[in-house]
Amino acid sequence: QHYFTASNAEAPTWICLNALAAMWLNSGNLNACVAYLNHAEDLAPNASEIQLTRARYLSAKGEWEQAKALIKQVGDMAGNFARVRELARTLLRQV
């Protein structure tokens, strides 16, 4: 419920938008997911968390090779938090 309230904020943050994209992805609504994902990427195009959500979205669309490449890129990026790198490795095993 809080996610829906966040989507009505005047200027939602990229973190909020990425969380909304992930929520819609988890519920299987790819159209809503990509709308929030694109908005999040507009605000923070280099955020690794957004790129991982994008990879999950690509995987859900059946674009596994693109998803794998993006996940590997995030997992190999210097400067990412260990949590993000571990999430990338976990997702890579799932794709």
Protein backbone atom coordinates (compact mmCIF):
# COMPACT_ATOMS: atom_id res chain seq x y z
CA GLN A 1 0.00 0.00 0.00
CA HIS A 2 2.84 2.40 0.79
CA TYR A 3 4.27 1.84 -2.68
CA PHE A 4 1.12 3.15 -4.32
CA THR A 5 1.22 6.24 -2.11
CA ALA A 6 4.85 6.79 -3.08
CA SER A 7 3.93 6.73 -6.77
CA ASN A 8 1.68 9.76 -6.16
CA ALA A 9 4.52 11.83 -4.75
CA GLU A 10 5.33 14.96 -6.68
CA ALA A 11 8.93 13.94 -7.33
CA PRO A 12 9.52 10.28 -6.42
CA THR A 13 13.14 9.22 -6.07
CA TRP A 14 14.79 6.68 -8.35
CA ILE A 15 14.85 4.24 -5.42
CA CYS A 16 11.08 4.55 -5.05
CA LEU A 17 10.52 4.16 -8.79
CA ASN A 18 12.80 1.13 -8.94
CA ALA A 19 10.92 -0.46 -6.04
CA LEU A 20 7.63 0.15 -7.86
CA ALA A 21 9.07 -1.37 -11.03
CA ALA A 22 10.17 -4.45 -9.06
CA MET A 23 6.76 -4.69 -7.41
CA TRP A 24 5.00 -4.69 -10.79
CA LEU A 25 7.55 -7.15 -12.17
CA ASN A 26 6.89 -9.50 -9.25
CA SER A 27 3.16 -9.31 -9.96
CA GLY A 28 3.69 -10.03 -13.66
CA ASN A 29 2.62 -6.63 -15.00
CA LEU A 30 5.48 -5.96 -17.42
CA ASN A 31 3.91 -2.82 -18.91
CA ALA A 32 3.68 -1.07 -15.53
CA CYS A 33 7.13 -2.38 -14.62
CA VAL A 34 8.83 -0.90 -17.68
CA ALA A 35 7.07 2.46 -17.23
CA TYR A 36 8.46 2.85 -13.70
CA LEU A 37 11.80 1.36 -14.73
CA ASN A 38 12.25 3.85 -17.56
CA HIS A 39 11.40 6.74 -15.24
CA ALA A 40 13.90 5.48 -12.66
CA GLU A 41 16.60 5.16 -15.34
CA ASP A 42 15.92 8.73 -16.46
CA LEU A 43 16.75 9.89 -12.93
CA ALA A 44 19.70 7.57 -12.24
CA PRO A 45 20.91 5.84 -15.41
CA ASN A 46 23.96 4.32 -13.75
CA ALA A 47 22.34 2.94 -10.60
CA SER A 48 23.21 -0.74 -10.34
CA GLU A 49 19.97 -1.55 -8.54
CA ILE A 50 18.00 -0.25 -11.52
CA GLN A 51 20.16 -2.25 -13.92
CA LEU A 52 19.43 -5.42 -11.96
CA THR A 53 15.70 -4.71 -12.14
CA ARG A 54 16.14 -4.11 -15.89
CA ALA A 55 17.88 -7.49 -16.18
CA ARG A 56 15.02 -9.20 -14.32
CA TYR A 57 12.58 -7.45 -16.68
CA LEU A 58 14.53 -8.64 -19.73
CA SER A 59 14.55 -12.16 -18.34
CA ALA A 60 10.79 -12.05 -17.81
CA LYS A 61 10.42 -11.04 -21.47
CA GLY A 62 12.54 -14.02 -22.51
CA GLU A 63 15.57 -11.94 -23.49
CA TRP A 64 17.96 -14.08 -21.47
CA GLU A 65 21.21 -13.23 -23.25
CA GLN A 66 20.68 -9.50 -22.75
CA ALA A 67 19.70 -10.14 -19.14
CA LYS A 68 22.82 -12.23 -18.52
CA ALA A 69 25.09 -9.62 -20.09
CA LEU A 70 23.61 -6.84 -17.96
CA ILE A 71 23.85 -8.91 -14.77
CA LYS A 72 27.48 -9.78 -15.49
CA GLN A 73 28.22 -6.11 -16.13
CA VAL A 74 26.73 -5.11 -12.78
CA GLY A 75 28.51 -7.95 -10.97
CA ASP A 76 31.86 -6.92 -12.41
CA MET A 77 31.54 -3.17 -11.79
CA ALA A 78 34.04 -1.76 -9.34
CA GLY A 79 32.57 0.33 -6.59
CA ASN A 80 29.33 -1.57 -6.17
CA PHE A 81 28.33 -2.56 -2.69
CA ALA A 82 28.99 -6.20 -1.87
CA ARG A 83 25.23 -6.66 -1.49
CA VAL A 84 24.63 -5.55 -5.09
CA ARG A 85 27.43 -7.75 -6.44
CA GLU A 86 26.06 -10.76 -4.54
CA LEU A 87 22.55 -10.08 -5.83
CA ALA A 88 23.96 -9.96 -9.37
CA ARG A 89 25.68 -13.32 -8.90
CA THR A 90 22.47 -14.82 -7.51
CA LEU A 91 20.41 -13.53 -10.43
CA LEU A 92 22.98 -14.78 -12.92
CA ARG A 93 22.51 -18.32 -11.60
CA GLN A 94 18.74 -17.98 -12.03
CA VAL A 95 18.77 -16.73 -15.63
